[in-house]
PDB file of N, CA and C in Angstrom:
ATOM      1  N   MET A   1      -4.588  15.893  -8.132  1.00  0.00           N
ATOM      2  CA  MET A   1      -5.442  14.854  -8.692  1.00  0.00           C
ATOM      3  C   MET A   1      -6.099  14.226  -7.588  1.00  0.00           C
ATOM      4  N   ASP A   2      -7.321  13.943  -7.658  1.00  0.00           N
ATOM      5  CA  ASP A   2      -8.098  13.319  -6.660  1.00  0.00           C
ATOM      6  C   ASP A   2      -7.756  11.857  -6.739  1.00  0.00           C
ATOM      7  N   GLU A   3      -7.526  11.101  -5.695  1.00  0.00           N
ATOM      8  CA  GLU A   3      -7.139   9.642  -5.715  1.00  0.00           C
ATOM      9  C   GLU A   3      -8.001   9.042  -4.505  1.00  0.00           C
ATOM     10  N   ASP A   4      -8.181   7.712  -4.823  1.00  0.00           N
ATOM     11  CA  ASP A   4      -8.827   6.824  -3.872  1.00  0.00           C
ATOM     12  C   ASP A   4      -7.604   5.895  -3.462  1.00  0.00           C
ATOM     13  N   PHE A   5      -7.505   5.708  -2.040  1.00  0.00           N
ATOM     14  CA  PHE A   5      -6.365   4.737  -1.537  1.00  0.00           C
ATOM     15  C   PHE A   5      -7.036   3.582  -0.929  1.00  0.00           C
ATOM     16  N   TYR A   6      -6.457   2.516  -1.198  1.00  0.00           N
ATOM     17  CA  TYR A   6      -6.949   1.290  -0.732  1.00  0.00           C
ATOM     18  C   TYR A   6      -5.901   0.411   0.010  1.00  0.00           C
ATOM     19  N   PHE A   7      -6.249  -0.477   0.965  1.00  0.00           N
ATOM     20  CA  PHE A   7      -5.398  -1.341   1.599  1.00  0.00           C
ATOM     21  C   PHE A   7      -5.980  -2.741   1.601  1.00  0.00           C
ATOM     22  N   SER A   8      -4.947  -3.776   1.112  1.00  0.00           N
ATOM     23  CA  SER A   8      -5.445  -5.238   1.313  1.00  0.00           C
ATOM     24  C   SER A   8      -4.241  -5.835   2.078  1.00  0.00           C
ATOM     25  N   ASN A   9      -4.463  -6.460   3.121  1.00  0.00           N
ATOM     26  CA  ASN A   9      -3.412  -7.074   3.883  1.00  0.00           C
ATOM     27  C   ASN A   9      -2.854  -8.393   2.996  1.00  0.00           C
ATOM     28  N   LYS A  10      -3.741  -8.885   2.334  1.00  0.00           N
ATOM     29  CA  LYS A  10      -3.138 -10.116   1.336  1.00  0.00           C
ATOM     30  C   LYS A  10      -2.170  -9.424   0.402  1.00  0.00           C
ATOM     31  N   GLN A  11      -2.424  -8.410  -0.085  1.00  0.00           N
ATOM     32  CA  GLN A  11      -1.653  -7.842  -1.178  1.00  0.00           C
ATOM     33  C   GLN A  11      -0.247  -7.101  -0.541  1.00  0.00           C
ATOM     34  N   PHE A  12      -0.553  -6.625   0.678  1.00  0.00           N
ATOM     35  CA  PHE A  12       0.574  -6.196   1.490  1.00  0.00           C
ATOM     36  C   PHE A  12       1.553  -7.212   1.786  1.00  0.00           C
ATOM     37  N   ILE A  13       1.146  -8.409   2.367  1.00  0.00           N
ATOM     38  CA  ILE A  13       2.025  -9.526   2.764  1.00  0.00           C
ATOM     39  C   ILE A  13       2.698 -10.103   1.437  1.00  0.00           C
ATOM     40  N   LYS A  14       1.811 -10.190   0.334  1.00  0.00           N
ATOM     41  CA  LYS A  14       2.597 -10.839  -0.936  1.00  0.00           C
ATOM     42  C   LYS A  14       3.536  -9.728  -1.497  1.00  0.00           C
ATOM     43  N   GLY A  15       3.347  -8.405  -1.262  1.00  0.00           N
ATOM     44  CA  GLY A  15       4.419  -7.345  -1.507  1.00  0.00           C
ATOM     45  C   GLY A  15       5.666  -7.534  -0.658  1.00  0.00           C
ATOM     46  N   LEU A  16       5.489  -8.056   0.560  1.00  0.00           N
ATOM     47  CA  LEU A  16       6.679  -8.194   1.469  1.00  0.00           C
ATOM     48  C   LEU A  16       7.528  -9.433   1.017  1.00  0.00           C
ATOM     49  N   LYS A  17       6.842 -10.383   0.196  1.00  0.00           N
ATOM     50  CA  LYS A  17       7.601 -11.606  -0.116  1.00  0.00           C
ATOM     51  C   LYS A  17       8.422 -11.399  -1.484  1.00  0.00           C
ATOM     52  N   LEU A  18       7.908 -10.379  -2.284  1.00  0.00           N
ATOM     53  CA  LEU A  18       8.437 -10.182  -3.652  1.00  0.00           C
ATOM     54  C   LEU A  18       8.569  -8.719  -3.906  1.00  0.00           C
ATOM     55  N   PRO A  19       9.687  -8.413  -4.593  1.00  0.00           N
ATOM     56  CA  PRO A  19       9.660  -6.905  -4.996  1.00  0.00           C
ATOM     57  C   PRO A  19       8.711  -6.686  -5.910  1.00  0.00           C
ATOM     58  N   LYS A  20       8.229  -5.355  -6.091  1.00  0.00           N
ATOM     59  CA  LYS A  20       7.181  -4.991  -6.953  1.00  0.00           C
ATOM     60  C   LYS A  20       7.382  -3.709  -7.605  1.00  0.00           C
ATOM     61  N   SER A  21       6.761  -3.440  -8.627  1.00  0.00           N
ATOM     62  CA  SER A  21       6.852  -2.277  -9.419  1.00  0.00           C
ATOM     63  C   SER A  21       5.581  -1.445  -9.442  1.00  0.00           C
ATOM     64  N   ILE A  22       5.720  -0.075  -9.219  1.00  0.00           N
ATOM     65  CA  ILE A  22       4.528   0.695  -9.091  1.00  0.00           C
ATOM     66  C   ILE A  22       4.634   1.802  -9.954  1.00  0.00           C
ATOM     67  N   ASP A  23       3.865   1.869 -11.033  1.00  0.00           N
ATOM     68  CA  ASP A  23       4.097   2.916 -12.146  1.00  0.00           C
ATOM     69  C   ASP A  23       5.493   2.868 -12.693  1.00  0.00           C
ATOM     70  N   GLY A  24       6.132   1.823 -12.967  1.00  0.00           N
ATOM     71  CA  GLY A  24       7.445   1.597 -13.490  1.00  0.00           C
ATOM     72  C   GLY A  24       8.430   1.930 -12.442  1.00  0.00           C
ATOM     73  N   LEU A  25       7.989   2.377 -11.066  1.00  0.00           N
ATOM     74  CA  LEU A  25       9.163   2.471 -10.063  1.00  0.00           C
ATOM     75  C   LEU A  25       9.311   1.210  -9.263  1.00  0.00           C
ATOM     76  N   LEU A  26      10.545   0.600  -9.416  1.00  0.00           N
ATOM     77  CA  LEU A  26      10.815  -0.636  -8.615  1.00  0.00           C
ATOM     78  C   LEU A  26      10.771  -0.349  -7.148  1.00  0.00           C
ATOM     79  N   MET A  27      10.046  -1.061  -6.434  1.00  0.00           N
ATOM     80  CA  MET A  27       9.990  -1.088  -4.961  1.00  0.00           C
ATOM     81  C   MET A  27      10.824  -2.149  -4.438  1.00  0.00           C
ATOM     82  N   LYS A  28      11.721  -1.837  -3.461  1.00  0.00           N
ATOM     83  CA  LYS A  28      12.559  -2.831  -2.727  1.00  0.00           C
ATOM     84  C   LYS A  28      11.497  -3.759  -1.891  1.00  0.00           C
ATOM     85  N   ARG A  29      11.932  -4.885  -1.526  1.00  0.00           N
ATOM     86  CA  ARG A  29      11.170  -5.833  -0.810  1.00  0.00           C
ATOM     87  C   ARG A  29      11.275  -5.120   0.709  1.00  0.00           C
ATOM     88  N   GLY A  30       9.998  -4.980   1.327  1.00  0.00           N
ATOM     89  CA  GLY A  30       9.796  -4.271   2.580  1.00  0.00           C
ATOM     90  C   GLY A  30       9.632  -2.838   2.494  1.00  0.00           C
ATOM     91  N   ASP A  31       9.461  -2.196   1.359  1.00  0.00           N
ATOM     92  CA  ASP A  31       8.938  -0.823   1.204  1.00  0.00           C
ATOM     93  C   ASP A  31       7.461  -0.697   1.629  1.00  0.00           C
ATOM     94  N   LEU A  32       7.038   0.181   2.245  1.00  0.00           N
ATOM     95  CA  LEU A  32       5.698   0.458   2.748  1.00  0.00           C
ATOM     96  C   LEU A  32       5.463   1.749   2.284  1.00  0.00           C
ATOM     97  N   SER A  33       4.158   1.752   1.640  1.00  0.00           N
ATOM     98  CA  SER A  33       3.653   3.107   1.168  1.00  0.00           C
ATOM     99  C   SER A  33       2.494   3.559   2.105  1.00  0.00           C
ATOM    100  N   ILE A  34       2.817   4.870   2.376  1.00  0.00           N
ATOM    101  CA  ILE A  34       1.864   5.608   3.441  1.00  0.00           C
ATOM    102  C   ILE A  34       1.478   6.741   2.683  1.00  0.00           C
ATOM    103  N   ALA A  35       0.181   7.141   3.109  1.00  0.00           N
ATOM    104  CA  ALA A  35      -0.375   8.466   2.621  1.00  0.00           C
ATOM    105  C   ALA A  35      -0.902   9.214   3.796  1.00  0.00           C
ATOM    106  N   LYS A  36      -0.922  10.569   3.739  1.00  0.00           N
ATOM    107  CA  LYS A  36      -1.506  11.326   4.715  1.00  0.00           C
ATOM    108  C   LYS A  36      -2.802  11.843   4.242  1.00  0.00           C
ATOM    109  N   ILE A  37      -3.723  11.140   4.826  1.00  0.00           N
ATOM    110  CA  ILE A  37      -5.228  11.275   4.474  1.00  0.00           C
ATOM    111  C   ILE A  37      -5.878  11.955   5.689  1.00  0.00           C
ATOM    112  N   ASP A  38      -6.522  13.200   5.339  1.00  0.00           N
ATOM    113  CA  ASP A  38      -7.212  13.875   6.285  1.00  0.00           C
ATOM    114  C   ASP A  38      -6.311  14.085   7.632  1.00  0.00           C
ATOM    115  N   GLY A  39      -5.014  14.250   7.334  1.00  0.00           N
ATOM    116  CA  GLY A  39      -4.171  14.398   8.512  1.00  0.00           C
ATOM    117  C   GLY A  39      -3.688  13.387   9.219  1.00  0.00           C
ATOM    118  N   VAL A  40      -3.963  12.201   8.679  1.00  0.00           N
ATOM    119  CA  VAL A  40      -3.463  10.877   9.343  1.00  0.00           C
ATOM    120  C   VAL A  40      -2.618  10.135   8.494  1.00  0.00           C
ATOM    121  N   TRP A  41      -1.460   9.637   8.738  1.00  0.00           N
ATOM    122  CA  TRP A  41      -0.701   8.697   7.948  1.00  0.00           C
ATOM    123  C   TRP A  41      -1.310   7.364   7.929  1.00  0.00           C
ATOM    124  N   LYS A  42      -1.550   6.887   6.815  1.00  0.00           N
ATOM    125  CA  LYS A  42      -2.164   5.377   6.639  1.00  0.00           C
ATOM    126  C   LYS A  42      -1.420   4.630   5.754  1.00  0.00           C
ATOM    127  N   GLU A  43      -1.281   3.317   5.910  1.00  0.00           N
ATOM    128  CA  GLU A  43      -0.580   2.418   4.923  1.00  0.00           C
ATOM    129  C   GLU A  43      -1.478   2.253   3.713  1.00  0.00           C
ATOM    130  N   TYR A  44      -1.155   2.152   2.731  1.00  0.00           N
ATOM    131  CA  TYR A  44      -2.003   1.633   1.550  1.00  0.00           C
ATOM    132  C   TYR A  44      -1.144   0.840   0.506  1.00  0.00           C
ATOM    133  N   THR A  45      -1.948   0.078  -0.238  1.00  0.00           N
ATOM    134  CA  THR A  45      -1.260  -0.826  -1.135  1.00  0.00           C
ATOM    135  C   THR A  45      -1.615  -0.466  -2.587  1.00  0.00           C
ATOM    136  N   GLU A  46      -2.518   0.323  -2.719  1.00  0.00           N
ATOM    137  CA  GLU A  46      -2.916   0.713  -4.158  1.00  0.00           C
ATOM    138  C   GLU A  46      -3.639   2.076  -4.143  1.00  0.00           C
ATOM    139  N   SER A  47      -3.402   3.014  -5.058  1.00  0.00           N
ATOM    140  CA  SER A  47      -4.032   4.315  -5.260  1.00  0.00           C
ATOM    141  C   SER A  47      -4.505   4.398  -6.809  1.00  0.00           C
ATOM    142  N   VAL A  48      -5.631   4.796  -6.951  1.00  0.00           N
ATOM    143  CA  VAL A  48      -6.210   4.977  -8.276  1.00  0.00           C
ATOM    144  C   VAL A  48      -6.796   6.438  -8.362  1.00  0.00           C
ATOM    145  N   PRO A  49      -6.908   6.817  -9.587  1.00  0.00           N
ATOM    146  CA  PRO A  49      -7.730   8.133  -9.885  1.00  0.00           C
ATOM    147  C   PRO A  49      -9.164   8.059  -9.186  1.00  0.00           C
ATOM    148  N   ARG A  50      -9.572   9.069  -8.523  1.00  0.00           N
ATOM    149  CA  ARG A  50     -10.896   8.970  -7.811  1.00  0.00           C
ATOM    150  C   ARG A  50     -12.012   8.497  -8.763  1.00  0.00           C
ATOM    151  N   GLY A  51     -12.734   7.400  -8.329  1.00  0.00           N
ATOM    152  CA  GLY A  51     -13.778   6.950  -9.093  1.00  0.00           C
ATOM    153  C   GLY A  51     -13.543   5.611  -9.959  1.00  0.00           C
ATOM    154  N   ARG A  52     -12.251   5.465 -10.286  1.00  0.00           N
ATOM    155  CA  ARG A  52     -11.935   4.284 -10.885  1.00  0.00           C
ATOM    156  C   ARG A  52     -11.652   3.242 -10.014  1.00  0.00           C
ATOM    157  N   LYS A  53     -12.042   1.870 -10.575  1.00  0.00           N
ATOM    158  CA  LYS A  53     -11.963   0.760 -10.058  1.00  0.00           C
ATOM    159  C   LYS A  53     -10.470   0.317  -9.797  1.00  0.00           C
ATOM    160  N   PRO A  54     -10.049  -0.186  -8.534  1.00  0.00           N
ATOM    161  CA  PRO A  54      -8.714  -0.582  -8.170  1.00  0.00           C
ATOM    162  C   PRO A  54      -8.463  -1.800  -9.168  1.00  0.00           C
ATOM    163  N   LEU A  55      -7.049  -1.935  -9.462  1.00  0.00           N
ATOM    164  CA  LEU A  55      -6.428  -2.915 -10.272  1.00  0.00           C
ATOM    165  C   LEU A  55      -6.639  -4.312  -9.599  1.00  0.00           C
ATOM    166  N   SER A  56      -6.271  -4.352  -8.266  1.00  0.00           N
ATOM    167  CA  SER A  56      -6.333  -5.773  -7.734  1.00  0.00           C
ATOM    168  C   SER A  56      -7.650  -6.115  -7.194  1.00  0.00           C
ATOM    169  N   ASN A  57      -7.775  -7.437  -7.027  1.00  0.00           N
ATOM    170  CA  ASN A  57      -9.061  -7.825  -6.836  1.00  0.00           C
ATOM    171  C   ASN A  57      -9.121  -8.736  -5.520  1.00  0.00           C
ATOM    172  N   HIS A  58      -8.383  -8.389  -4.571  1.00  0.00           N
ATOM    173  CA  HIS A  58      -8.302  -9.215  -3.339  1.00  0.00           C
ATOM    174  C   HIS A  58      -9.526  -8.976  -2.511  1.00  0.00           C
ATOM    175  N   ASP A  59     -10.004 -10.088  -1.927  1.00  0.00           N
ATOM    176  CA  ASP A  59     -11.302  -9.968  -1.180  1.00  0.00           C
ATOM    177  C   ASP A  59     -11.317  -9.125   0.090  1.00  0.00           C
ATOM    178  N   ASP A  60     -10.066  -8.885   0.604  1.00  0.00           N
ATOM    179  CA  ASP A  60      -9.963  -8.002   1.639  1.00  0.00           C
ATOM    180  C   ASP A  60      -9.588  -6.630   1.478  1.00  0.00           C
ATOM    181  N   LEU A  61      -9.762  -6.081   0.116  1.00  0.00           N
ATOM    182  CA  LEU A  61      -9.380  -4.747  -0.224  1.00  0.00           C
ATOM    183  C   LEU A  61     -10.377  -3.736   0.164  1.00  0.00           C
ATOM    184  N   VAL A  62     -10.147  -2.767   0.955  1.00  0.00           N
ATOM    185  CA  VAL A  62     -10.818  -1.804   1.491  1.00  0.00           C
ATOM    186  C   VAL A  62     -10.363  -0.372   1.117  1.00  0.00           C
ATOM    187  N   LEU A  63     -11.440   0.448   1.002  1.00  0.00           N
ATOM    188  CA  LEU A  63     -11.141   1.987   0.689  1.00  0.00           C
ATOM    189  C   LEU A  63     -10.640   2.632   1.893  1.00  0.00           C
ATOM    190  N   ILE A  64      -9.561   3.192   2.040  1.00  0.00           N
ATOM    191  CA  ILE A  64      -9.068   3.728   3.419  1.00  0.00           C
ATOM    192  C   ILE A  64      -9.146   5.237   3.438  1.00  0.00           C
ATOM    193  N   GLY A  65      -9.554   5.789   2.106  1.00  0.00           N
ATOM    194  CA  GLY A  65      -9.651   7.342   2.185  1.00  0.00           C
ATOM    195  C   GLY A  65      -9.363   7.801   0.774  1.00  0.00           C
ATOM    196  N   SER A  66      -9.698   9.126   0.570  1.00  0.00           N
ATOM    197  CA  SER A  66      -9.593   9.754  -0.515  1.00  0.00           C
ATOM    198  C   SER A  66      -8.913  11.163  -0.307  1.00  0.00           C
ATOM    199  N   GLY A  67      -8.333  11.758  -1.503  1.00  0.00           N
ATOM    200  CA  GLY A  67      -7.956  13.046  -1.287  1.00  0.00           C
ATOM    201  C   GLY A  67      -7.434  13.787  -2.546  1.00  0.00           C
ATOM    202  N   LYS A  68      -7.112  14.954  -2.572  1.00  0.00           N
ATOM    203  CA  LYS A  68      -6.569  15.657  -3.551  1.00  0.00           C
ATOM    204  C   LYS A  68      -5.176  16.020  -2.978  1.00  0.00           C
ATOM    205  N   ASP A  69      -4.178  15.808  -3.926  1.00  0.00           N
ATOM    206  CA  ASP A  69      -2.671  16.251  -3.781  1.00  0.00           C
ATOM    207  C   ASP A  69      -2.433  15.564  -2.364  1.00  0.00           C
ATOM    208  N   VAL A  70      -2.592  14.495  -2.113  1.00  0.00           N
ATOM    209  CA  VAL A  70      -2.346  13.806  -0.827  1.00  0.00           C
ATOM    210  C   VAL A  70      -0.802  13.648  -0.618  1.00  0.00           C
ATOM    211  N   GLU A  71      -0.189  13.742   0.449  1.00  0.00           N
ATOM    212  CA  GLU A  71       1.237  13.627   0.647  1.00  0.00           C
ATOM    213  C   GLU A  71       1.454  12.099   0.844  1.00  0.00           C
ATOM    214  N   ILE A  72       2.495  11.640   0.135  1.00  0.00           N
ATOM    215  CA  ILE A  72       2.842  10.114   0.229  1.00  0.00           C
ATOM    216  C   ILE A  72       4.340   9.969   0.453  1.00  0.00           C
ATOM    217  N   ALA A  73       4.545   8.943   1.242  1.00  0.00           N
ATOM    218  CA  ALA A  73       6.113   8.676   1.493  1.00  0.00           C
ATOM    219  C   ALA A  73       6.176   6.966   1.467  1.00  0.00           C
ATOM    220  N   ARG A  74       7.440   6.655   1.515  1.00  0.00           N
ATOM    221  CA  ARG A  74       7.798   5.325   1.563  1.00  0.00           C
ATOM    222  C   ARG A  74       8.732   5.166   2.783  1.00  0.00           C
ATOM    223  N   GLU A  75       8.383   4.097   3.533  1.00  0.00           N
ATOM    224  CA  GLU A  75       9.307   3.645   4.709  1.00  0.00           C
ATOM    225  C   GLU A  75       9.691   2.380   4.482  1.00  0.00           C
ATOM    226  N   GLN A  76      10.909   2.013   4.913  1.00  0.00           N
ATOM    227  CA  GLN A  76      11.624   0.781   4.682  1.00  0.00           C
ATOM    228  C   GLN A  76      11.568  -0.065   5.996  1.00  0.00           C
ATOM    229  N   LEU A  77      10.901  -1.176   5.868  1.00  0.00           N
ATOM    230  CA  LEU A  77      10.825  -2.140   6.962  1.00  0.00           C
ATOM    231  C   LEU A  77      12.096  -2.821   7.183  1.00  0.00           C
ATOM    232  N   SER A  78      12.459  -3.234   8.349  1.00  0.00           N
ATOM    233  CA  SER A  78      13.647  -3.963   8.592  1.00  0.00           C
ATOM    234  C   SER A  78      13.302  -5.504   8.270  1.00  0.00           C
ATOM    235  N   GLN A  79      14.403  -6.223   8.149  1.00  0.00           N
ATOM    236  CA  GLN A  79      14.248  -7.621   7.725  1.00  0.00           C
ATOM    237  C   GLN A  79      13.366  -8.366   8.964  1.00  0.00           C
ATOM    238  N   GLU A  80      13.726  -7.951  10.051  1.00  0.00           N
ATOM    239  CA  GLU A  80      12.928  -8.618  11.235  1.00  0.00           C
ATOM    240  C   GLU A  80      11.583  -8.208  11.184  1.00  0.00           C
ATOM    241  N   GLN A  81      11.190  -7.016  10.960  1.00  0.00           N
ATOM    242  CA  GLN A  81       9.732  -6.503  10.709  1.00  0.00           C
ATOM    243  C   GLN A  81       8.978  -7.361   9.661  1.00  0.00           C
ATOM    244  N   ILE A  82       9.739  -7.528   8.441  1.00  0.00           N
ATOM    245  CA  ILE A  82       9.150  -8.151   7.328  1.00  0.00           C
ATOM    246  C   ILE A  82       8.988  -9.746   7.750  1.00  0.00           C
ATOM    247  N   GLU A  83       9.859 -10.218   8.373  1.00  0.00           N
ATOM    248  CA  GLU A  83       9.729 -11.732   8.914  1.00  0.00           C
ATOM    249  C   GLU A  83       8.500 -11.811   9.721  1.00  0.00           C
ATOM    250  N   ASN A  84       8.469 -10.994  10.769  1.00  0.00           N
ATOM    251  CA  ASN A  84       7.318 -10.999  11.646  1.00  0.00           C
ATOM    252  C   ASN A  84       6.004 -10.836  11.127  1.00  0.00           C
ATOM    253  N   LEU A  85       5.817  -9.943  10.136  1.00  0.00           N
ATOM    254  CA  LEU A  85       4.687  -9.567   9.404  1.00  0.00           C
ATOM    255  C   LEU A  85       4.103 -10.891   8.567  1.00  0.00           C
ATOM    256  N   ILE A  86       5.220 -11.416   8.018  1.00  0.00           N
ATOM    257  CA  ILE A  86       4.949 -12.600   6.976  1.00  0.00           C
ATOM    258  C   ILE A  86       4.548 -13.903   8.004  1.00  0.00           C
ATOM    259  N   ASN A  87       5.312 -14.029   8.967  1.00  0.00           N
ATOM    260  CA  ASN A  87       4.957 -15.166   9.835  1.00  0.00           C
ATOM    261  C   ASN A  87       3.615 -15.097  10.447  1.00  0.00           C
ATOM    262  N   GLY A  88       3.351 -13.765  10.926  1.00  0.00           N
ATOM    263  CA  GLY A  88       2.069 -13.609  11.650  1.00  0.00           C
ATOM    264  C   GLY A  88       0.898 -13.713  10.708  1.00  0.00           C
ATOM    265  N   ALA A  89       1.065 -13.563   9.380  1.00  0.00           N
ATOM    266  CA  ALA A  89      -0.011 -13.650   8.352  1.00  0.00           C
ATOM    267  C   ALA A  89      -0.278 -15.214   8.082  1.00  0.00           C
ATOM    268  N   MET A  90       0.597 -16.142   8.407  1.00  0.00           N
ATOM    269  CA  MET A  90       0.397 -17.572   8.062  1.00  0.00           C
ATOM    270  C   MET A  90      -0.362 -18.252   9.114  1.00  0.00           C
TER     271      MET A  90
END
């Protein structure tokens, strides 16, 4: 399926503060979603079928890429990384 991938720093930081659910899959605090778009791993906060509007409406939301059958993965940030990112955003 063709998908559009978006990133919002505000949404990312908010997700670090609280657990979230993506398509019914509960994400642990500190889970980082990454997608391999055009051969490069990129962090993303939301993906939608190509051409659809993203669900979130953060003012810093940007399209980072699109692709078909994009490889995705999850990484777990350490507690120290989470705290540094949250404190750096304030």
